[in-house]
Amino acid sequence: MRLLLAVCSLCLLSGCGSLLNSTMPAPQTYVLRLAPQPEAGATPTAGSLRIQRPEAGPGLNTDHIVLLRSGRRYDFYAAALWAAPAPDLMASVLVDQMRGSGLFTAVFDDATPYAPRYNLRCSLTRFEADYNGGGHAPTVQVALDCTLGRFRDRTLLGIFTAEGSAVASEDRLGPVVAAFEAATAAAMKETERHIQEALAAEPAAPKT
């Protein structure tokens, strides 16, 4: 009798699990696509750049779309994911934006087998939709703490923080993702500006 009850209980639990799974909406997957940069007219004067995969701040090494509630409570949007963990998304965006900047003869990701002239290392400290602003829709906050240096002699050329923010037009996932794109684009402009300032103090580099 005990064995029969155990088997019946397992069957009920299995059926319950199937019912719950069948009613859950399939997660929607989102990507970050920034507007392409205008084609640079100047010839690149700096050498090559390697961009390391950003270090993730607490709670950000995930493919969930993070939101920040009152009391500094982290949460996630239900049934919504990024196409990759946030640091991988940001690494891809950084590579694309630096390639489009026209500053470098070549831009490599972290997997390159080639020795670059410059190395960019960043920490992703903010990448969330913040609901603490008092409005109905969140403000997306993006922040990167970065260091730029020469690869071979480990000379530090610059330390900077690049930030961007954008208010979502509505409290829905589509507008929130659009705000993530706008805030990331603003952070990329700051990153490029700081890198330009650091490179301006460098002597002309061989094109490697």
N, C-alpha and C. Protein backbone atom coordinates (compact mmCIF):
# COMPACT_ATOMS: atom_id res chain seq x y z
N MET A 1 0.83 -1.21 0.00
CA MET A 1 0.00 0.00 0.00
C MET A 1 0.87 1.26 0.00
N ARG A 2 1.94 1.24 0.80
CA ARG A 2 2.83 2.41 0.83
C ARG A 2 3.46 2.65 -0.54
N LEU A 3 3.89 1.56 -1.19
CA LEU A 3 4.48 1.68 -2.52
C LEU A 3 3.48 2.24 -3.51
N LEU A 4 2.22 1.79 -3.42
CA LEU A 4 1.18 2.27 -4.32
C LEU A 4 0.93 3.76 -4.09
N LEU A 5 0.88 4.20 -2.83
CA LEU A 5 0.68 5.62 -2.53
C LEU A 5 1.83 6.47 -3.06
N ALA A 6 3.06 5.95 -2.92
CA ALA A 6 4.23 6.70 -3.40
C ALA A 6 4.18 6.87 -4.91
N VAL A 7 3.83 5.79 -5.61
CA VAL A 7 3.74 5.86 -7.07
C VAL A 7 2.66 6.84 -7.49
N CYS A 8 1.50 6.80 -6.84
CA CYS A 8 0.41 7.73 -7.16
C CYS A 8 0.84 9.17 -6.92
N SER A 9 1.58 9.41 -5.81
CA SER A 9 2.03 10.77 -5.51
C SER A 9 2.98 11.27 -6.57
N LEU A 10 3.89 10.42 -7.04
CA LEU A 10 4.82 10.82 -8.08
C LEU A 10 4.10 11.14 -9.37
N CYS A 11 3.09 10.36 -9.71
CA CYS A 11 2.31 10.62 -10.91
C CYS A 11 1.59 11.95 -10.84
N LEU A 12 1.01 12.26 -9.65
CA LEU A 12 0.31 13.53 -9.48
C LEU A 12 1.28 14.70 -9.61
N LEU A 13 2.46 14.57 -8.97
CA LEU A 13 3.45 15.63 -9.06
C LEU A 13 3.92 15.82 -10.49
N SER A 14 4.13 14.72 -11.19
CA SER A 14 4.57 14.81 -12.58
C SER A 14 3.52 15.50 -13.43
N GLY A 15 2.27 15.15 -13.21
CA GLY A 15 1.20 15.79 -13.96
C GLY A 15 1.09 17.26 -13.65
N CYS A 16 1.26 17.61 -12.38
CA CYS A 16 1.20 19.01 -11.97
C CYS A 16 2.31 19.80 -12.63
N GLY A 17 3.54 19.22 -12.64
CA GLY A 17 4.65 19.91 -13.27
C GLY A 17 4.41 20.16 -14.74
N SER A 18 3.85 19.19 -15.44
CA SER A 18 3.56 19.36 -16.86
C SER A 18 2.55 20.44 -17.09
N LEU A 19 1.54 20.51 -16.21
CA LEU A 19 0.51 21.54 -16.36
C LEU A 19 1.10 22.93 -16.15
N LEU A 20 1.96 23.06 -15.12
CA LEU A 20 2.58 24.36 -14.85
C LEU A 20 3.47 24.79 -16.01
N ASN A 21 4.26 23.87 -16.52
CA ASN A 21 5.15 24.20 -17.62
C ASN A 21 4.39 24.60 -18.88
N SER A 22 3.26 23.97 -19.11
CA SER A 22 2.51 24.25 -20.33
C SER A 22 1.87 25.63 -20.31
N THR A 23 1.64 26.18 -19.10
CA THR A 23 0.99 27.49 -19.01
C THR A 23 1.99 28.64 -18.94
N MET A 24 3.28 28.33 -18.80
CA MET A 24 4.27 29.40 -18.72
C MET A 24 4.59 29.92 -20.11
N PRO A 25 4.63 31.25 -20.29
CA PRO A 25 4.96 31.78 -21.61
C PRO A 25 6.41 31.51 -21.98
N ALA A 26 6.64 31.27 -23.24
CA ALA A 26 8.02 31.06 -23.70
C ALA A 26 8.79 32.37 -23.56
N PRO A 27 10.04 32.31 -23.07
CA PRO A 27 10.81 33.56 -22.89
C PRO A 27 11.12 34.22 -24.23
N GLN A 28 11.03 35.55 -24.25
CA GLN A 28 11.42 36.34 -25.41
C GLN A 28 12.90 36.70 -25.28
N THR A 29 13.63 36.58 -26.37
CA THR A 29 15.07 36.85 -26.36
C THR A 29 15.35 38.16 -27.10
N TYR A 30 16.16 39.03 -26.47
CA TYR A 30 16.43 40.36 -27.02
C TYR A 30 17.93 40.53 -27.27
N VAL A 31 18.26 41.32 -28.28
CA VAL A 31 19.64 41.67 -28.58
C VAL A 31 19.80 43.19 -28.48
N LEU A 32 21.04 43.62 -28.32
CA LEU A 32 21.35 45.05 -28.34
C LEU A 32 21.89 45.41 -29.71
N ARG A 33 21.22 46.29 -30.41
CA ARG A 33 21.66 46.71 -31.74
C ARG A 33 21.75 48.23 -31.77
N LEU A 34 22.95 48.76 -31.70
CA LEU A 34 23.12 50.21 -31.75
C LEU A 34 23.15 50.66 -33.19
N ALA A 35 22.76 51.91 -33.42
CA ALA A 35 22.81 52.47 -34.77
C ALA A 35 24.26 52.49 -35.24
N PRO A 36 24.52 52.12 -36.49
CA PRO A 36 25.91 52.13 -36.98
C PRO A 36 26.50 53.52 -36.95
N GLN A 37 27.79 53.59 -36.64
CA GLN A 37 28.46 54.89 -36.60
C GLN A 37 28.71 55.39 -38.02
N PRO A 38 28.70 56.72 -38.21
CA PRO A 38 29.07 57.25 -39.53
C PRO A 38 30.50 56.86 -39.87
N GLU A 39 30.74 56.60 -41.13
CA GLU A 39 32.06 56.14 -41.55
C GLU A 39 33.12 57.20 -41.27
N ALA A 40 34.19 56.78 -40.61
CA ALA A 40 35.26 57.71 -40.25
C ALA A 40 36.02 58.12 -41.50
N GLY A 41 36.27 59.43 -41.63
CA GLY A 41 36.99 59.92 -42.81
C GLY A 41 38.49 59.92 -42.64
N ALA A 42 38.94 60.03 -41.38
CA ALA A 42 40.38 60.12 -41.13
C ALA A 42 41.03 58.75 -41.14
N THR A 43 42.31 58.71 -41.51
CA THR A 43 43.08 57.47 -41.46
C THR A 43 43.43 57.17 -40.01
N PRO A 44 43.24 55.93 -39.55
CA PRO A 44 43.58 55.61 -38.17
C PRO A 44 45.05 55.90 -37.87
N THR A 45 45.29 56.52 -36.73
CA THR A 45 46.65 56.86 -36.34
C THR A 45 47.18 55.96 -35.24
N ALA A 46 46.28 55.31 -34.50
CA ALA A 46 46.70 54.40 -33.44
C ALA A 46 46.89 53.00 -34.01
N GLY A 47 47.54 52.15 -33.23
CA GLY A 47 47.73 50.77 -33.65
C GLY A 47 46.49 49.94 -33.38
N SER A 48 46.71 48.67 -33.08
CA SER A 48 45.59 47.76 -32.86
C SER A 48 45.15 47.79 -31.39
N LEU A 49 43.90 47.39 -31.17
CA LEU A 49 43.30 47.39 -29.82
C LEU A 49 42.67 46.04 -29.55
N ARG A 50 42.93 45.51 -28.37
CA ARG A 50 42.21 44.32 -27.91
C ARG A 50 41.24 44.74 -26.81
N ILE A 51 40.00 44.28 -26.91
CA ILE A 51 38.98 44.57 -25.91
C ILE A 51 38.70 43.30 -25.12
N GLN A 52 38.98 43.34 -23.84
CA GLN A 52 38.72 42.18 -22.99
C GLN A 52 37.24 42.11 -22.62
N ARG A 53 36.76 40.90 -22.42
CA ARG A 53 35.38 40.72 -21.96
C ARG A 53 35.21 41.45 -20.63
N PRO A 54 34.22 42.34 -20.51
CA PRO A 54 34.08 43.10 -19.27
C PRO A 54 33.83 42.20 -18.05
N GLU A 55 34.39 42.62 -16.94
CA GLU A 55 34.06 41.99 -15.66
C GLU A 55 32.66 42.44 -15.28
N ALA A 56 31.89 41.53 -14.70
CA ALA A 56 30.50 41.85 -14.35
C ALA A 56 30.40 42.25 -12.89
N GLY A 57 29.66 43.33 -12.63
CA GLY A 57 29.37 43.71 -11.26
C GLY A 57 28.39 42.73 -10.63
N PRO A 58 28.15 42.85 -9.32
CA PRO A 58 27.25 41.91 -8.64
C PRO A 58 25.87 41.84 -9.31
N GLY A 59 25.43 40.63 -9.60
CA GLY A 59 24.12 40.41 -10.17
C GLY A 59 24.02 40.62 -11.67
N LEU A 60 25.12 41.01 -12.33
CA LEU A 60 25.05 41.36 -13.76
C LEU A 60 25.62 40.29 -14.68
N ASN A 61 26.19 39.24 -14.14
CA ASN A 61 26.73 38.17 -14.99
C ASN A 61 25.62 37.17 -15.32
N THR A 62 24.63 37.65 -16.06
CA THR A 62 23.43 36.87 -16.33
C THR A 62 22.82 37.29 -17.66
N ASP A 63 22.02 36.40 -18.23
CA ASP A 63 21.28 36.77 -19.44
C ASP A 63 19.88 37.27 -19.12
N HIS A 64 19.52 37.36 -17.84
CA HIS A 64 18.26 37.98 -17.45
C HIS A 64 18.35 39.49 -17.63
N ILE A 65 17.24 40.12 -17.92
CA ILE A 65 17.19 41.58 -18.02
C ILE A 65 16.90 42.11 -16.62
N VAL A 66 17.90 42.76 -16.06
CA VAL A 66 17.87 43.13 -14.63
C VAL A 66 17.10 44.42 -14.43
N LEU A 67 16.32 44.46 -13.35
CA LEU A 67 15.68 45.71 -12.94
C LEU A 67 15.97 45.95 -11.47
N LEU A 68 15.95 47.20 -11.07
CA LEU A 68 16.27 47.61 -9.71
C LEU A 68 15.03 48.21 -9.08
N ARG A 69 14.53 47.56 -8.02
CA ARG A 69 13.35 48.04 -7.32
C ARG A 69 13.75 48.91 -6.14
N SER A 70 12.75 49.42 -5.40
CA SER A 70 13.02 50.23 -4.22
C SER A 70 13.78 49.40 -3.19
N GLY A 71 14.57 50.09 -2.39
CA GLY A 71 15.37 49.40 -1.40
C GLY A 71 16.55 48.67 -2.00
N ARG A 72 16.96 49.06 -3.22
CA ARG A 72 18.11 48.46 -3.91
C ARG A 72 17.93 46.95 -4.11
N ARG A 73 16.71 46.53 -4.39
CA ARG A 73 16.42 45.11 -4.63
C ARG A 73 16.52 44.79 -6.11
N TYR A 74 17.38 43.82 -6.43
CA TYR A 74 17.50 43.34 -7.80
C TYR A 74 16.35 42.40 -8.12
N ASP A 75 15.90 42.46 -9.35
CA ASP A 75 14.86 41.57 -9.83
C ASP A 75 15.07 41.38 -11.33
N PHE A 76 14.25 40.55 -11.95
CA PHE A 76 14.35 40.27 -13.38
C PHE A 76 12.98 40.38 -14.02
N TYR A 77 12.97 40.78 -15.29
CA TYR A 77 11.72 40.75 -16.04
C TYR A 77 11.36 39.29 -16.33
N ALA A 78 10.09 38.97 -16.12
CA ALA A 78 9.63 37.60 -16.35
C ALA A 78 9.60 37.30 -17.85
N ALA A 79 9.96 36.06 -18.19
CA ALA A 79 9.87 35.55 -19.57
C ALA A 79 10.60 36.45 -20.57
N ALA A 80 11.76 36.99 -20.16
CA ALA A 80 12.55 37.83 -21.06
C ALA A 80 14.03 37.61 -20.76
N LEU A 81 14.83 37.44 -21.81
CA LEU A 81 16.26 37.18 -21.68
C LEU A 81 17.02 37.99 -22.72
N TRP A 82 18.27 38.32 -22.38
CA TRP A 82 19.20 38.80 -23.39
C TRP A 82 19.68 37.60 -24.20
N ALA A 83 20.17 37.83 -25.39
CA ALA A 83 20.66 36.75 -26.25
C ALA A 83 21.95 36.15 -25.70
N ALA A 84 22.62 36.83 -24.78
CA ALA A 84 23.85 36.34 -24.15
C ALA A 84 23.96 37.05 -22.80
N PRO A 85 24.81 36.55 -21.89
CA PRO A 85 25.02 37.28 -20.64
C PRO A 85 25.47 38.72 -20.90
N ALA A 86 25.10 39.61 -20.00
CA ALA A 86 25.36 41.04 -20.19
C ALA A 86 26.82 41.36 -20.51
N PRO A 87 27.83 40.75 -19.87
CA PRO A 87 29.22 41.08 -20.24
C PRO A 87 29.55 40.72 -21.68
N ASP A 88 28.99 39.61 -22.20
CA ASP A 88 29.23 39.23 -23.59
C ASP A 88 28.56 40.21 -24.55
N LEU A 89 27.34 40.64 -24.19
CA LEU A 89 26.67 41.66 -25.00
C LEU A 89 27.52 42.92 -25.09
N MET A 90 28.02 43.37 -23.93
CA MET A 90 28.79 44.61 -23.90
C MET A 90 30.11 44.46 -24.64
N ALA A 91 30.75 43.30 -24.55
CA ALA A 91 31.99 43.07 -25.28
C ALA A 91 31.76 43.19 -26.78
N SER A 92 30.67 42.60 -27.26
CA SER A 92 30.34 42.67 -28.69
C SER A 92 30.09 44.11 -29.13
N VAL A 93 29.35 44.86 -28.31
CA VAL A 93 29.06 46.26 -28.63
C VAL A 93 30.34 47.08 -28.65
N LEU A 94 31.22 46.88 -27.68
CA LEU A 94 32.47 47.62 -27.62
C LEU A 94 33.33 47.37 -28.85
N VAL A 95 33.43 46.11 -29.26
CA VAL A 95 34.22 45.78 -30.44
C VAL A 95 33.64 46.47 -31.67
N ASP A 96 32.31 46.37 -31.86
CA ASP A 96 31.68 46.99 -33.02
C ASP A 96 31.87 48.50 -33.04
N GLN A 97 31.69 49.13 -31.88
CA GLN A 97 31.77 50.59 -31.81
C GLN A 97 33.21 51.08 -32.02
N MET A 98 34.18 50.38 -31.45
CA MET A 98 35.57 50.80 -31.63
C MET A 98 36.05 50.57 -33.05
N ARG A 99 35.53 49.51 -33.70
CA ARG A 99 35.87 49.30 -35.11
C ARG A 99 35.29 50.42 -35.97
N GLY A 100 34.12 50.88 -35.61
CA GLY A 100 33.50 51.96 -36.37
C GLY A 100 34.03 53.34 -36.05
N SER A 101 34.80 53.46 -34.97
CA SER A 101 35.29 54.78 -34.56
C SER A 101 36.36 55.33 -35.49
N GLY A 102 37.09 54.45 -36.17
CA GLY A 102 38.18 54.91 -37.03
C GLY A 102 39.44 55.28 -36.29
N LEU A 103 39.51 54.96 -34.99
CA LEU A 103 40.68 55.32 -34.20
C LEU A 103 41.82 54.34 -34.37
N PHE A 104 41.52 53.07 -34.64
CA PHE A 104 42.53 52.02 -34.60
C PHE A 104 42.64 51.32 -35.96
N THR A 105 43.84 50.83 -36.22
CA THR A 105 44.04 50.08 -37.46
C THR A 105 43.32 48.74 -37.43
N ALA A 106 43.14 48.17 -36.23
CA ALA A 106 42.41 46.91 -36.07
C ALA A 106 41.88 46.85 -34.64
N VAL A 107 40.74 46.20 -34.48
CA VAL A 107 40.14 46.01 -33.15
C VAL A 107 39.81 44.52 -33.01
N PHE A 108 40.35 43.91 -31.94
CA PHE A 108 40.18 42.48 -31.71
C PHE A 108 39.36 42.23 -30.46
N ASP A 109 38.70 41.07 -30.41
CA ASP A 109 38.04 40.67 -29.18
C ASP A 109 39.02 39.90 -28.30
N ASP A 110 38.52 39.36 -27.21
CA ASP A 110 39.36 38.73 -26.20
C ASP A 110 40.00 37.43 -26.69
N ALA A 111 39.47 36.85 -27.75
CA ALA A 111 39.98 35.56 -28.22
C ALA A 111 41.10 35.69 -29.25
N THR A 112 41.53 36.91 -29.55
CA THR A 112 42.54 37.09 -30.59
C THR A 112 43.86 36.41 -30.23
N PRO A 113 44.53 35.78 -31.20
CA PRO A 113 45.87 35.23 -30.95
C PRO A 113 46.97 36.25 -31.20
N TYR A 114 46.59 37.46 -31.62
CA TYR A 114 47.59 38.47 -32.00
C TYR A 114 47.85 39.42 -30.84
N ALA A 115 49.09 39.87 -30.76
CA ALA A 115 49.46 40.82 -29.71
C ALA A 115 49.09 42.23 -30.16
N PRO A 116 48.18 42.91 -29.46
CA PRO A 116 47.79 44.27 -29.87
C PRO A 116 48.76 45.31 -29.33
N ARG A 117 48.61 46.52 -29.81
CA ARG A 117 49.39 47.62 -29.23
C ARG A 117 48.71 48.11 -27.95
N TYR A 118 47.37 48.17 -27.97
CA TYR A 118 46.63 48.69 -26.82
C TYR A 118 45.68 47.63 -26.28
N ASN A 119 45.36 47.78 -25.01
CA ASN A 119 44.44 46.86 -24.34
C ASN A 119 43.40 47.67 -23.57
N LEU A 120 42.12 47.34 -23.77
CA LEU A 120 41.04 48.01 -23.04
C LEU A 120 40.37 46.99 -22.13
N ARG A 121 40.35 47.31 -20.86
CA ARG A 121 39.71 46.44 -19.86
C ARG A 121 38.63 47.23 -19.14
N CYS A 122 37.43 46.66 -19.03
CA CYS A 122 36.30 47.36 -18.43
C CYS A 122 35.61 46.48 -17.40
N SER A 123 34.97 47.12 -16.45
CA SER A 123 34.05 46.46 -15.52
C SER A 123 32.66 47.02 -15.76
N LEU A 124 31.71 46.14 -15.94
CA LEU A 124 30.31 46.55 -16.14
C LEU A 124 29.67 46.69 -14.77
N THR A 125 29.53 47.93 -14.31
CA THR A 125 29.05 48.17 -12.95
C THR A 125 27.55 48.45 -12.89
N ARG A 126 26.97 48.91 -14.00
CA ARG A 126 25.51 49.12 -14.04
C ARG A 126 24.99 48.69 -15.40
N PHE A 127 23.88 47.95 -15.37
CA PHE A 127 23.22 47.53 -16.60
C PHE A 127 21.82 47.06 -16.21
N GLU A 128 21.03 48.05 -15.76
CA GLU A 128 19.73 47.69 -15.22
C GLU A 128 18.68 48.78 -15.50
N ALA A 129 17.43 48.37 -15.42
CA ALA A 129 16.30 49.30 -15.51
C ALA A 129 15.92 49.71 -14.08
N ASP A 130 16.11 50.98 -13.77
CA ASP A 130 15.96 51.49 -12.40
C ASP A 130 14.57 52.08 -12.22
N TYR A 131 13.82 51.53 -11.26
CA TYR A 131 12.46 51.99 -10.98
C TYR A 131 12.40 52.93 -9.78
N ASN A 132 13.52 53.48 -9.37
CA ASN A 132 13.56 54.34 -8.19
C ASN A 132 13.41 55.82 -8.52
N GLY A 133 13.15 56.15 -9.78
CA GLY A 133 13.08 57.56 -10.15
C GLY A 133 11.75 58.22 -9.86
N GLY A 134 10.74 57.46 -9.48
CA GLY A 134 9.45 58.06 -9.16
C GLY A 134 8.45 58.02 -10.29
N GLY A 135 8.91 57.82 -11.52
CA GLY A 135 8.01 57.76 -12.66
C GLY A 135 7.46 56.36 -12.85
N HIS A 136 6.52 56.25 -13.78
CA HIS A 136 5.92 54.95 -14.05
C HIS A 136 6.89 54.05 -14.82
N ALA A 137 7.60 54.62 -15.78
CA ALA A 137 8.55 53.85 -16.58
C ALA A 137 9.95 53.97 -15.98
N PRO A 138 10.79 52.96 -16.15
CA PRO A 138 12.13 52.98 -15.53
C PRO A 138 13.12 53.83 -16.32
N THR A 139 14.21 54.16 -15.64
CA THR A 139 15.37 54.78 -16.27
C THR A 139 16.47 53.74 -16.36
N VAL A 140 16.92 53.45 -17.56
CA VAL A 140 17.98 52.47 -17.75
C VAL A 140 19.33 53.13 -17.47
N GLN A 141 20.14 52.47 -16.67
CA GLN A 141 21.46 52.96 -16.30
C GLN A 141 22.53 51.98 -16.80
N VAL A 142 23.53 52.52 -17.50
CA VAL A 142 24.65 51.71 -17.98
C VAL A 142 25.93 52.41 -17.54
N ALA A 143 26.86 51.67 -16.96
CA ALA A 143 28.13 52.26 -16.52
C ALA A 143 29.27 51.27 -16.69
N LEU A 144 30.39 51.77 -17.19
CA LEU A 144 31.61 50.98 -17.40
C LEU A 144 32.79 51.69 -16.74
N ASP A 145 33.51 50.98 -15.89
CA ASP A 145 34.78 51.49 -15.35
C ASP A 145 35.90 50.87 -16.18
N CYS A 146 36.70 51.71 -16.84
CA CYS A 146 37.64 51.22 -17.86
C CYS A 146 39.07 51.65 -17.58
N THR A 147 40.00 50.83 -18.06
CA THR A 147 41.41 51.19 -18.10
C THR A 147 41.94 50.92 -19.49
N LEU A 148 42.72 51.85 -20.02
CA LEU A 148 43.36 51.71 -21.33
C LEU A 148 44.86 51.75 -21.12
N GLY A 149 45.55 50.80 -21.72
CA GLY A 149 47.00 50.77 -21.58
C GLY A 149 47.67 50.17 -22.79
N ARG A 150 49.00 50.35 -22.84
CA ARG A 150 49.79 49.69 -23.87
C ARG A 150 50.01 48.23 -23.45
N PHE A 151 49.93 47.36 -24.41
CA PHE A 151 49.97 45.92 -24.10
C PHE A 151 51.38 45.46 -23.73
N ARG A 152 52.39 45.81 -24.54
CA ARG A 152 53.71 45.23 -24.38
C ARG A 152 54.41 45.68 -23.10
N ASP A 153 54.38 46.98 -22.82
CA ASP A 153 55.11 47.47 -21.64
C ASP A 153 54.19 47.76 -20.45
N ARG A 154 52.87 47.44 -20.59
CA ARG A 154 51.89 47.59 -19.50
C ARG A 154 51.78 49.03 -19.01
N THR A 155 52.05 49.99 -19.88
CA THR A 155 51.93 51.39 -19.48
C THR A 155 50.46 51.79 -19.43
N LEU A 156 50.06 52.35 -18.31
CA LEU A 156 48.67 52.79 -18.15
C LEU A 156 48.49 54.15 -18.81
N LEU A 157 47.52 54.25 -19.71
CA LEU A 157 47.27 55.50 -20.43
C LEU A 157 46.06 56.26 -19.95
N GLY A 158 45.11 55.55 -19.37
CA GLY A 158 43.91 56.25 -18.92
C GLY A 158 43.01 55.37 -18.08
N ILE A 159 42.38 55.98 -17.07
CA ILE A 159 41.36 55.34 -16.24
C ILE A 159 40.13 56.23 -16.30
N PHE A 160 38.99 55.67 -16.63
CA PHE A 160 37.79 56.51 -16.77
C PHE A 160 36.53 55.69 -16.54
N THR A 161 35.45 56.40 -16.28
CA THR A 161 34.11 55.81 -16.17
C THR A 161 33.25 56.38 -17.28
N ALA A 162 32.61 55.50 -18.03
CA ALA A 162 31.70 55.90 -19.11
C ALA A 162 30.28 55.50 -18.69
N GLU A 163 29.38 56.48 -18.71
CA GLU A 163 28.02 56.25 -18.25
C GLU A 163 27.01 56.71 -19.29
N GLY A 164 25.84 56.11 -19.23
CA GLY A 164 24.73 56.52 -20.08
C GLY A 164 23.42 56.18 -19.39
N SER A 165 22.39 56.98 -19.63
CA SER A 165 21.07 56.70 -19.07
C SER A 165 20.01 57.11 -20.07
N ALA A 166 18.86 56.46 -19.99
CA ALA A 166 17.74 56.77 -20.87
C ALA A 166 16.46 56.33 -20.20
N VAL A 167 15.43 57.18 -20.29
CA VAL A 167 14.13 56.86 -19.72
C VAL A 167 13.30 56.12 -20.76
N ALA A 168 12.74 54.97 -20.37
CA ALA A 168 11.89 54.22 -21.27
C ALA A 168 10.60 55.00 -21.54
N SER A 169 10.13 54.98 -22.76
CA SER A 169 8.92 55.72 -23.10
C SER A 169 7.67 55.10 -22.46
N GLU A 170 7.72 53.79 -22.21
CA GLU A 170 6.62 53.08 -21.56
C GLU A 170 7.20 51.98 -20.70
N ASP A 171 6.39 51.50 -19.75
CA ASP A 171 6.82 50.40 -18.90
C ASP A 171 6.46 49.07 -19.56
N ARG A 172 7.02 48.86 -20.74
CA ARG A 172 6.86 47.60 -21.47
C ARG A 172 8.24 47.17 -21.98
N LEU A 173 8.39 45.89 -22.25
CA LEU A 173 9.72 45.38 -22.59
C LEU A 173 10.30 46.01 -23.84
N GLY A 174 9.49 46.20 -24.87
CA GLY A 174 10.01 46.81 -26.10
C GLY A 174 10.63 48.18 -25.84
N PRO A 175 9.90 49.12 -25.23
CA PRO A 175 10.49 50.42 -24.91
C PRO A 175 11.65 50.33 -23.92
N VAL A 176 11.61 49.38 -22.99
CA VAL A 176 12.72 49.24 -22.03
C VAL A 176 13.99 48.80 -22.76
N VAL A 177 13.87 47.84 -23.68
CA VAL A 177 15.04 47.41 -24.46
C VAL A 177 15.56 48.57 -25.31
N ALA A 178 14.66 49.37 -25.88
CA ALA A 178 15.09 50.55 -26.64
C ALA A 178 15.85 51.52 -25.75
N ALA A 179 15.42 51.65 -24.49
CA ALA A 179 16.14 52.52 -23.54
C ALA A 179 17.51 51.93 -23.21
N PHE A 180 17.63 50.61 -23.11
CA PHE A 180 18.93 49.98 -22.92
C PHE A 180 19.86 50.33 -24.08
N GLU A 181 19.33 50.32 -25.31
CA GLU A 181 20.15 50.65 -26.48
C GLU A 181 20.60 52.11 -26.43
N ALA A 182 19.68 53.02 -26.06
CA ALA A 182 20.03 54.44 -26.00
C ALA A 182 21.05 54.71 -24.91
N ALA A 183 20.89 54.10 -23.74
CA ALA A 183 21.83 54.31 -22.64
C ALA A 183 23.20 53.72 -22.97
N THR A 184 23.22 52.56 -23.63
CA THR A 184 24.48 51.94 -24.04
C THR A 184 25.19 52.80 -25.09
N ALA A 185 24.42 53.36 -26.03
CA ALA A 185 25.01 54.23 -27.05
C ALA A 185 25.66 55.46 -26.40
N ALA A 186 25.01 56.03 -25.39
CA ALA A 186 25.59 57.18 -24.68
C ALA A 186 26.88 56.78 -23.96
N ALA A 187 26.90 55.60 -23.35
CA ALA A 187 28.12 55.13 -22.68
C ALA A 187 29.23 54.88 -23.69
N MET A 188 28.87 54.41 -24.90
CA MET A 188 29.89 54.18 -25.93
C MET A 188 30.51 55.50 -26.40
N LYS A 189 29.70 56.55 -26.50
CA LYS A 189 30.24 57.86 -26.88
C LYS A 189 31.23 58.36 -25.84
N GLU A 190 30.88 58.16 -24.56
CA GLU A 190 31.80 58.55 -23.50
C GLU A 190 33.09 57.74 -23.56
N THR A 191 32.97 56.45 -23.82
CA THR A 191 34.15 55.60 -23.93
C THR A 191 35.06 56.08 -25.05
N GLU A 192 34.48 56.36 -26.20
CA GLU A 192 35.28 56.83 -27.34
C GLU A 192 35.95 58.16 -27.03
N ARG A 193 35.23 59.05 -26.37
CA ARG A 193 35.81 60.37 -26.05
C ARG A 193 37.02 60.21 -25.12
N HIS A 194 36.89 59.40 -24.10
CA HIS A 194 38.00 59.20 -23.16
C HIS A 194 39.19 58.54 -23.85
N ILE A 195 38.93 57.59 -24.74
CA ILE A 195 40.03 56.92 -25.45
C ILE A 195 40.74 57.91 -26.37
N GLN A 196 39.97 58.75 -27.05
CA GLN A 196 40.59 59.76 -27.91
C GLN A 196 41.50 60.67 -27.11
N GLU A 197 41.06 61.09 -25.93
CA GLU A 197 41.88 61.96 -25.09
C GLU A 197 43.17 61.26 -24.66
N ALA A 198 43.06 59.96 -24.33
CA ALA A 198 44.26 59.21 -23.91
C ALA A 198 45.23 59.05 -25.09
N LEU A 199 44.70 58.78 -26.27
CA LEU A 199 45.55 58.57 -27.44
C LEU A 199 46.21 59.86 -27.91
N ALA A 200 45.54 61.00 -27.64
CA ALA A 200 46.09 62.28 -28.06
C ALA A 200 47.43 62.58 -27.39
N ALA A 201 47.63 62.00 -26.22
CA ALA A 201 48.88 62.22 -25.49
C ALA A 201 49.97 61.24 -25.89
N GLU A 202 49.60 60.27 -26.76
CA GLU A 202 50.55 59.26 -27.22
C GLU A 202 51.31 59.76 -28.44
N PRO A 203 52.60 59.39 -28.57
CA PRO A 203 53.30 59.65 -29.84
C PRO A 203 52.71 58.79 -30.94
N ALA A 204 52.95 59.14 -32.18
CA ALA A 204 52.44 58.36 -33.30
C ALA A 204 52.87 56.91 -33.18
N ALA A 205 51.90 56.01 -33.31
CA ALA A 205 52.16 54.60 -33.10
C ALA A 205 52.41 53.88 -34.40
N PRO A 206 53.30 52.89 -34.40
CA PRO A 206 53.42 52.03 -35.58
C PRO A 206 52.14 51.26 -35.77
N LYS A 207 51.74 50.97 -36.99
CA LYS A 207 50.46 50.34 -37.28
C LYS A 207 50.56 48.83 -37.12
N THR A 208 50.39 48.41 -35.85
CA THR A 208 50.47 46.98 -35.52
C THR A 208 49.19 46.56 -34.83
